[in-house]
Amino acid sequence: MTRAIQNTGFSCMKCGKEILPLTNGSYRNHCPHCLSSRHVDNKPGDRSSQCKGLMKPIGLRFNSKKGYQVVHQCTRCGEIKVNKVADCTVQPDDTNKLILLQSL
């Protein structure tokens, strides 16, 4: 699957807001407003998960190579995944929510 196909906008399944695709060469897989995601990947970017459950943000961690990452847990199957925090000018991740995650 190409990045152009992966980099699409979506409606957040948690808060319902419309999310724009990123324009900085990366792609977004979580809502910048509520930080929720959807369980769509088995491996990053493959979009092959059959679960499709809501991925709830449960924490924040720092990776020396990737920067800050939101830790998500699927509310349907329990799988835990991490996603890079979106550092961009169009719909950046909600900093206040990230700070709250860091305190968990």
C-alpha atoms as a PDB file:
ATOM      1  CA  MET A   1       0.000   0.000   0.000  1.00  0.00           C
ATOM      2  CA  THR A   2       1.401   3.413  -0.912  1.00  0.00           C
ATOM      3  CA  ARG A   3       1.593   6.369   1.440  1.00  0.00           C
ATOM      4  CA  ALA A   4      -0.730   8.327  -0.885  1.00  0.00           C
ATOM      5  CA  ILE A   5      -3.449   5.719  -0.313  1.00  0.00           C
ATOM      6  CA  GLN A   6      -2.789   5.642   3.450  1.00  0.00           C
ATOM      7  CA  ASN A   7      -2.774   9.440   3.773  1.00  0.00           C
ATOM      8  CA  THR A   8      -6.490  10.148   3.674  1.00  0.00           C
ATOM      9  CA  GLY A   9      -8.803  12.149   5.875  1.00  0.00           C
ATOM     10  CA  PHE A  10     -11.304  10.391   8.130  1.00  0.00           C
ATOM     11  CA  SER A  11     -14.114  10.933  10.616  1.00  0.00           C
ATOM     12  CA  CYS A  12     -13.113  10.138  14.201  1.00  0.00           C
ATOM     13  CA  MET A  13     -15.145   7.182  15.478  1.00  0.00           C
ATOM     14  CA  LYS A  14     -14.939   8.575  19.048  1.00  0.00           C
ATOM     15  CA  CYS A  15     -15.673  12.317  18.781  1.00  0.00           C
ATOM     16  CA  GLY A  16     -16.981  12.507  15.186  1.00  0.00           C
ATOM     17  CA  LYS A  17     -14.689  15.339  14.055  1.00  0.00           C
ATOM     18  CA  GLU A  18     -13.452  15.420  10.467  1.00  0.00           C
ATOM     19  CA  ILE A  19      -9.691  14.880  10.324  1.00  0.00           C
ATOM     20  CA  LEU A  20      -7.608  16.197   7.426  1.00  0.00           C
ATOM     21  CA  PRO A  21      -4.719  14.234   5.898  1.00  0.00           C
ATOM     22  CA  LEU A  22      -1.223  15.464   6.724  1.00  0.00           C
ATOM     23  CA  THR A  23       0.769  17.313   4.076  1.00  0.00           C
ATOM     24  CA  ASN A  24       4.256  16.869   5.542  1.00  0.00           C
ATOM     25  CA  GLY A  25       5.039  13.463   3.992  1.00  0.00           C
ATOM     26  CA  SER A  26       3.654  11.524   6.947  1.00  0.00           C
ATOM     27  CA  TYR A  27       0.165  10.263   7.629  1.00  0.00           C
ATOM     28  CA  ARG A  28      -2.155  10.470  10.586  1.00  0.00           C
ATOM     29  CA  ASN A  29      -3.883   7.512  12.172  1.00  0.00           C
ATOM     30  CA  HIS A  30      -5.356   9.116  15.270  1.00  0.00           C
ATOM     31  CA  CYS A  31      -7.626  12.055  16.018  1.00  0.00           C
ATOM     32  CA  PRO A  32      -5.737  15.230  16.978  1.00  0.00           C
ATOM     33  CA  HIS A  33      -8.664  16.327  19.170  1.00  0.00           C
ATOM     34  CA  CYS A  34      -9.408  13.314  21.384  1.00  0.00           C
ATOM     35  CA  LEU A  35      -6.283  11.257  20.436  1.00  0.00           C
ATOM     36  CA  SER A  36      -8.400   8.154  19.735  1.00  0.00           C
ATOM     37  CA  SER A  37      -7.604   5.858  16.842  1.00  0.00           C
ATOM     38  CA  ARG A  38      -9.071   2.820  15.112  1.00  0.00           C
ATOM     39  CA  HIS A  39      -7.530  -0.651  15.076  1.00  0.00           C
ATOM     40  CA  VAL A  40      -6.882  -0.973  11.334  1.00  0.00           C
ATOM     41  CA  ASP A  41      -3.274  -2.266  11.136  1.00  0.00           C
ATOM     42  CA  ASN A  42      -1.602  -5.532  12.060  1.00  0.00           C
ATOM     43  CA  LYS A  43       1.770  -4.049  11.019  1.00  0.00           C
ATOM     44  CA  PRO A  44       2.159  -0.268  10.702  1.00  0.00           C
ATOM     45  CA  GLY A  45       0.466   0.909   7.525  1.00  0.00           C
ATOM     46  CA  ASP A  46      -0.846  -2.446   6.276  1.00  0.00           C
ATOM     47  CA  ARG A  47      -4.553  -1.696   6.993  1.00  0.00           C
ATOM     48  CA  SER A  48      -5.184  -5.458   7.300  1.00  0.00           C
ATOM     49  CA  SER A  49      -6.628  -5.765  10.817  1.00  0.00           C
ATOM     50  CA  GLN A  50     -10.091  -7.286  10.911  1.00  0.00           C
ATOM     51  CA  CYS A  51     -10.765  -5.885  14.420  1.00  0.00           C
ATOM     52  CA  LYS A  52     -11.633  -2.250  13.566  1.00  0.00           C
ATOM     53  CA  GLY A  53     -12.155  -1.503  17.278  1.00  0.00           C
ATOM     54  CA  LEU A  54     -11.686   1.879  18.965  1.00  0.00           C
ATOM     55  CA  MET A  55      -8.090   2.462  20.089  1.00  0.00           C
ATOM     56  CA  LYS A  56      -8.243   4.417  23.361  1.00  0.00           C
ATOM     57  CA  PRO A  57      -5.237   6.603  24.328  1.00  0.00           C
ATOM     58  CA  ILE A  58      -3.781   5.214  27.571  1.00  0.00           C
ATOM     59  CA  GLY A  59      -0.366   6.863  27.803  1.00  0.00           C
ATOM     60  CA  LEU A  60       2.479   8.808  26.264  1.00  0.00           C
ATOM     61  CA  ARG A  61       6.069   7.669  25.818  1.00  0.00           C
ATOM     62  CA  PHE A  62       9.259   9.080  24.361  1.00  0.00           C
ATOM     63  CA  ASN A  63      11.336   7.226  21.767  1.00  0.00           C
ATOM     64  CA  SER A  64      14.786   8.694  21.082  1.00  0.00           C
ATOM     65  CA  LYS A  65      14.408   8.069  17.329  1.00  0.00           C
ATOM     66  CA  LYS A  66      10.692   8.759  16.799  1.00  0.00           C
ATOM     67  CA  GLY A  67       9.943  11.379  19.451  1.00  0.00           C
ATOM     68  CA  TYR A  68       6.759  11.310  21.488  1.00  0.00           C
ATOM     69  CA  GLN A  69       4.283   8.516  20.852  1.00  0.00           C
ATOM     70  CA  VAL A  70       0.696   8.025  22.005  1.00  0.00           C
ATOM     71  CA  VAL A  71       0.094   4.577  23.498  1.00  0.00           C
ATOM     72  CA  HIS A  72      -3.289   3.148  22.449  1.00  0.00           C
ATOM     73  CA  GLN A  73      -5.201   0.097  23.651  1.00  0.00           C
ATOM     74  CA  CYS A  74      -7.977  -1.451  21.589  1.00  0.00           C
ATOM     75  CA  THR A  75     -11.291  -1.489  23.444  1.00  0.00           C
ATOM     76  CA  ARG A  76     -12.401  -4.553  21.463  1.00  0.00           C
ATOM     77  CA  CYS A  77      -9.404  -6.942  21.486  1.00  0.00           C
ATOM     78  CA  GLY A  78      -7.049  -5.324  24.032  1.00  0.00           C
ATOM     79  CA  GLU A  79      -4.037  -4.999  21.691  1.00  0.00           C
ATOM     80  CA  ILE A  80      -1.634  -2.168  22.551  1.00  0.00           C
ATOM     81  CA  LYS A  81       0.036  -0.074  19.832  1.00  0.00           C
ATOM     82  CA  VAL A  82       2.024   3.161  19.710  1.00  0.00           C
ATOM     83  CA  ASN A  83       1.626   6.019  17.242  1.00  0.00           C
ATOM     84  CA  LYS A  84       3.905   8.977  16.663  1.00  0.00           C
ATOM     85  CA  VAL A  85       2.555  12.323  17.856  1.00  0.00           C
ATOM     86  CA  ALA A  86       1.696  14.516  14.887  1.00  0.00           C
ATOM     87  CA  ASP A  87       3.942  17.575  14.846  1.00  0.00           C
ATOM     88  CA  CYS A  88       2.437  19.665  12.075  1.00  0.00           C
ATOM     89  CA  THR A  89       0.764  22.969  11.336  1.00  0.00           C
ATOM     90  CA  VAL A  90      -2.574  21.539  10.105  1.00  0.00           C
ATOM     91  CA  GLN A  91      -4.586  20.007  12.972  1.00  0.00           C
ATOM     92  CA  PRO A  92      -1.683  19.320  15.365  1.00  0.00           C
ATOM     93  CA  ASP A  93      -2.317  16.929  18.251  1.00  0.00           C
ATOM     94  CA  ASP A  94      -4.017  18.551  21.266  1.00  0.00           C
ATOM     95  CA  THR A  95      -1.108  19.453  23.552  1.00  0.00           C
ATOM     96  CA  ASN A  96      -3.293  19.597  26.675  1.00  0.00           C
ATOM     97  CA  LYS A  97      -4.501  16.034  26.110  1.00  0.00           C
ATOM     98  CA  LEU A  98      -0.917  14.876  25.512  1.00  0.00           C
ATOM     99  CA  ILE A  99       0.151  16.417  28.840  1.00  0.00           C
ATOM    100  CA  LEU A 100      -2.705  14.591  30.595  1.00  0.00           C
ATOM    101  CA  LEU A 101      -1.576  11.306  29.023  1.00  0.00           C
ATOM    102  CA  GLN A 102       1.964  11.891  30.219  1.00  0.00           C
ATOM    103  CA  SER A 103       0.736  12.048  33.808  1.00  0.00           C
ATOM    104  CA  LEU A 104      -0.882   8.569  33.607  1.00  0.00           C
END
